[in-house]
Amino acid sequence: MQAFGAGHCQIVGVVADIRQTNLSDEPAAGIYIPYTQEIMPWQTLVVRTKNDPMSLAASIRREVTALDPEQPVARVATLNDLKEASTAQPRFRTFLMGSFAGLALLLSAIGIYGVMAYTVSRRTREIGVRMAVGARPVDILRLIFGESMTLTLLGVSLGLVGAYAVTRVMKSLLFGVTSTDPITFTGVTLLLCSVALLASYIPARRAMRVNPMVALKDE
């Protein structure tokens, strides 16, 4: 094969895909060439150590200077530092989106609680009538939870459709997971339903404790 003016090269091995610049970049075709065949204007020296990597920086500089006094050593950093720098912006975007998602979840829980509490207060007389004709507290609980989950599932269904529609936009922000990951969609659905149940619990408990005699006298 012909490679970068190095003449005909013999392939001696194949390595796994790597990301040269950023972790978000797709692996591209590339080759490794011995330094003696293709001299590069810069080189990267990777050192593995069991001790603190930065404690060896001075020793490495001395060794490089001993080999070539005119060879500068710049940007000494650990692999963890390079990884942190490469993922700084994605982590910030993830934190920002996670914060907005948490705020939206909190507002949703408050909204569901408010709607169900208002519904219970408006239907106190109806609930009293139901209990007067034989409805048990558990029946009232099922009634309130059923209405709450109906609204929740409708909202979740519309949300999943909208989320699936914007997966192409989210694809560039994800790493190691697909934009249509079924586990993620299932987990979020279960989380939203759980939050809706918790938000409906207090209004449902209040409805269970309605006194039929007081409710029937309420105008």
Protein backbone atom coordinates (compact mmCIF):
# COMPACT_ATOMS: atom_id res chain seq x y z
CA MET A 1 0.00 0.00 0.00
CA GLN A 2 1.04 3.63 -0.52
CA ALA A 3 0.95 5.83 2.60
CA PHE A 4 1.79 9.54 2.92
CA GLY A 5 4.89 9.48 0.78
CA ALA A 6 6.46 6.72 2.86
CA GLY A 7 6.71 4.38 -0.10
CA HIS A 8 5.29 0.89 -0.10
CA CYS A 9 4.46 -0.24 3.43
CA GLN A 10 3.85 -3.68 4.80
CA ILE A 11 0.88 -4.11 7.13
CA VAL A 12 2.05 -5.89 10.26
CA GLY A 13 -1.07 -5.59 12.42
CA VAL A 14 -4.53 -4.13 12.84
CA VAL A 15 -5.67 -2.21 15.93
CA ALA A 16 -9.17 -1.43 17.22
CA ASP A 17 -10.98 1.75 16.27
CA ILE A 18 -9.81 4.88 18.10
CA ARG A 19 -10.95 8.48 18.36
CA GLN A 20 -8.02 10.74 17.61
CA THR A 21 -9.27 14.16 18.74
CA ASN A 22 -12.52 13.98 20.69
CA LEU A 23 -14.50 11.12 22.18
CA SER A 24 -17.53 12.30 20.23
CA ASP A 25 -15.75 11.96 16.88
CA GLU A 26 -16.43 8.89 14.80
CA PRO A 27 -13.36 6.66 14.26
CA ALA A 28 -11.66 7.44 10.97
CA ALA A 29 -9.24 5.47 8.84
CA GLY A 30 -5.61 5.86 9.84
CA ILE A 31 -2.27 4.11 9.99
CA TYR A 32 0.71 3.98 12.34
CA ILE A 33 4.08 4.53 10.68
CA PRO A 34 7.52 4.12 12.30
CA TYR A 35 9.22 7.41 13.11
CA THR A 36 12.19 6.54 10.92
CA GLN A 37 9.91 6.25 7.86
CA GLU A 38 7.77 9.35 8.36
CA ILE A 39 9.23 12.11 10.51
CA MET A 40 6.49 14.23 12.10
CA PRO A 41 6.96 17.82 13.31
CA TRP A 42 5.72 16.77 16.75
CA GLN A 43 5.66 13.61 18.80
CA THR A 44 3.65 12.39 21.76
CA LEU A 45 5.34 10.39 24.51
CA VAL A 46 3.06 8.20 26.63
CA VAL A 47 4.42 6.91 29.92
CA ARG A 48 2.74 4.33 32.16
CA THR A 49 3.56 4.52 35.84
CA LYS A 50 2.31 3.12 39.13
CA ASN A 51 3.09 6.35 40.99
CA ASP A 52 1.68 9.85 40.61
CA PRO A 53 2.20 10.61 36.89
CA MET A 54 2.96 14.30 37.43
CA SER A 55 5.73 13.44 39.89
CA LEU A 56 7.70 12.03 36.94
CA ALA A 57 7.36 15.14 34.76
CA ALA A 58 10.72 16.58 35.81
CA SER A 59 12.49 13.24 35.28
CA ILE A 60 11.00 12.86 31.81
CA ARG A 61 12.07 16.39 30.86
CA ARG A 62 15.63 15.61 31.97
CA GLU A 63 15.72 12.39 29.95
CA VAL A 64 14.44 14.15 26.82
CA THR A 65 16.94 16.97 27.28
CA ALA A 66 19.73 14.43 27.66
CA LEU A 67 18.77 12.87 24.32
CA ASP A 68 18.24 16.18 22.50
CA PRO A 69 18.91 19.50 24.29
CA GLU A 70 17.01 21.40 21.59
CA GLN A 71 13.88 19.27 21.88
CA PRO A 72 11.19 21.16 23.84
CA VAL A 73 8.72 19.32 26.08
CA ALA A 74 5.32 20.97 26.13
CA ARG A 75 1.92 20.18 27.58
CA VAL A 76 2.64 17.56 30.18
CA ALA A 77 -0.73 16.11 31.23
CA THR A 78 -2.24 12.88 32.49
CA LEU A 79 -4.71 10.85 30.45
CA ASN A 80 -7.36 11.73 33.02
CA ASP A 81 -6.70 15.43 32.41
CA LEU A 82 -7.03 14.93 28.66
CA LYS A 83 -10.23 12.95 29.11
CA GLU A 84 -11.70 15.62 31.40
CA ALA A 85 -10.86 18.35 28.89
CA SER A 86 -12.34 16.35 26.02
CA THR A 87 -15.61 15.72 27.87
CA ALA A 88 -15.95 19.12 29.57
CA GLN A 89 -18.50 20.55 27.13
CA PRO A 90 -20.59 17.34 26.85
CA ARG A 91 -20.67 17.04 30.64
CA PHE A 92 -21.76 20.67 30.98
CA ARG A 93 -24.51 20.19 28.39
CA THR A 94 -25.61 17.02 30.17
CA PHE A 95 -25.70 18.82 33.52
CA LEU A 96 -27.65 21.71 32.01
CA MET A 97 -30.17 19.44 30.31
CA GLY A 98 -30.46 17.28 33.42
CA SER A 99 -31.16 20.36 35.53
CA PHE A 100 -33.91 21.52 33.17
CA ALA A 101 -35.32 17.98 33.07
CA GLY A 102 -35.37 17.80 36.87
CA LEU A 103 -37.08 21.18 37.05
CA ALA A 104 -39.65 20.09 34.47
CA LEU A 105 -40.28 16.88 36.45
CA LEU A 106 -40.81 18.90 39.64
CA LEU A 107 -43.21 21.27 37.90
CA SER A 108 -45.08 18.29 36.45
CA ALA A 109 -45.46 16.76 39.92
CA ILE A 110 -46.72 20.06 41.33
CA GLY A 111 -49.13 20.44 38.41
CA ILE A 112 -50.54 16.93 38.81
CA TYR A 113 -50.93 17.44 42.55
CA GLY A 114 -52.69 20.76 42.01
CA VAL A 115 -55.09 19.38 39.41
CA MET A 116 -55.99 16.31 41.45
CA ALA A 117 -56.38 18.32 44.67
CA TYR A 118 -58.70 20.75 42.89
CA THR A 119 -60.65 17.85 41.37
CA VAL A 120 -61.13 16.22 44.77
CA SER A 121 -62.27 19.49 46.33
CA ARG A 122 -64.79 20.03 43.52
CA ARG A 123 -66.09 16.46 43.71
CA THR A 124 -66.43 16.20 47.48
CA ARG A 125 -70.22 15.88 47.26
CA GLU A 126 -69.96 13.24 44.52
CA ILE A 127 -67.45 11.25 46.54
CA GLY A 128 -69.73 11.48 49.56
CA VAL A 129 -72.63 10.15 47.52
CA ARG A 130 -70.52 7.27 46.23
CA MET A 131 -69.46 6.34 49.75
CA ALA A 132 -73.03 6.70 51.03
CA VAL A 133 -74.28 4.15 48.49
CA GLY A 134 -71.59 1.64 49.38
CA ALA A 135 -68.31 2.70 47.79
CA ARG A 136 -65.33 1.69 49.89
CA PRO A 137 -62.30 3.94 50.52
CA VAL A 138 -60.24 1.67 48.27
CA ASP A 139 -62.77 2.26 45.47
CA ILE A 140 -62.32 6.02 45.85
CA LEU A 141 -58.57 5.52 45.81
CA ARG A 142 -58.81 3.58 42.55
CA LEU A 143 -61.05 6.28 41.10
CA ILE A 144 -58.61 9.10 41.81
CA PHE A 145 -55.55 7.09 40.79
CA GLY A 146 -57.30 5.92 37.63
CA GLU A 147 -58.09 9.46 36.50
CA SER A 148 -54.57 10.60 37.39
CA MET A 149 -52.93 7.77 35.46
CA THR A 150 -55.20 8.34 32.46
CA LEU A 151 -53.95 11.93 32.18
CA THR A 152 -50.38 10.82 32.89
CA LEU A 153 -50.33 8.09 30.25
CA LEU A 154 -51.81 10.48 27.70
CA GLY A 155 -49.10 13.02 28.45
CA VAL A 156 -46.36 10.37 28.44
CA SER A 157 -47.56 9.04 25.09
CA LEU A 158 -47.45 12.49 23.53
CA GLY A 159 -44.06 13.09 25.13
CA LEU A 160 -42.61 9.85 23.77
CA VAL A 161 -43.80 10.74 20.27
CA GLY A 162 -42.18 14.16 20.58
CA ALA A 163 -38.99 12.67 22.03
CA TYR A 164 -38.73 10.17 19.20
CA ALA A 165 -39.20 13.01 16.70
CA VAL A 166 -36.18 14.93 18.02
CA THR A 167 -33.84 11.95 18.33
CA ARG A 168 -31.78 13.15 15.36
CA VAL A 169 -31.04 16.39 17.22
CA MET A 170 -30.06 14.50 20.38
CA LYS A 171 -27.89 11.99 18.52
CA SER A 172 -24.88 14.33 18.43
CA LEU A 173 -25.08 14.83 22.21
CA LEU A 174 -25.02 11.14 23.12
CA PHE A 175 -22.05 8.82 23.61
CA GLY A 176 -22.19 5.08 24.07
CA VAL A 177 -25.98 4.94 23.77
CA THR A 178 -28.38 5.24 20.86
CA SER A 179 -30.93 8.04 20.67
CA THR A 180 -33.73 5.45 20.56
CA ASP A 181 -32.43 3.30 23.41
CA PRO A 182 -35.45 1.25 24.60
CA ILE A 183 -34.13 0.97 28.17
CA THR A 184 -33.95 4.76 28.45
CA PHE A 185 -37.46 5.26 27.07
CA THR A 186 -38.84 2.57 29.38
CA GLY A 187 -37.04 3.94 32.41
CA VAL A 188 -38.26 7.49 31.79
CA THR A 189 -41.84 6.25 31.31
CA LEU A 190 -41.74 4.35 34.61
CA LEU A 191 -40.21 7.36 36.36
CA LEU A 192 -42.92 9.72 35.12
CA CYS A 193 -45.68 7.29 36.09
CA SER A 194 -44.15 6.88 39.55
CA VAL A 195 -43.97 10.63 40.06
CA ALA A 196 -47.60 10.96 38.94
CA LEU A 197 -48.68 8.31 41.46
CA LEU A 198 -46.81 10.02 44.28
CA ALA A 199 -48.25 13.42 43.32
CA SER A 200 -51.77 11.94 43.34
CA TYR A 201 -51.34 10.13 46.65
CA ILE A 202 -52.20 13.05 48.97
CA PRO A 203 -55.38 14.09 47.07
CA ALA A 204 -56.40 10.41 46.89
CA ARG A 205 -55.91 9.96 50.64
CA ARG A 206 -57.94 13.10 51.24
CA ALA A 207 -60.75 11.74 49.08
CA MET A 208 -60.71 8.43 51.00
CA ARG A 209 -61.30 10.29 54.26
CA VAL A 210 -64.35 12.21 53.09
CA ASN A 211 -67.18 11.92 55.60
CA PRO A 212 -70.36 11.07 53.63
CA MET A 213 -72.64 12.93 56.06
CA VAL A 214 -70.54 16.10 55.92
CA ALA A 215 -70.19 15.84 52.14
CA LEU A 216 -73.95 15.45 51.60
CA LYS A 217 -74.62 18.53 53.71
CA ASP A 218 -72.05 20.54 51.77
CA GLU A 219 -73.63 22.92 49.30
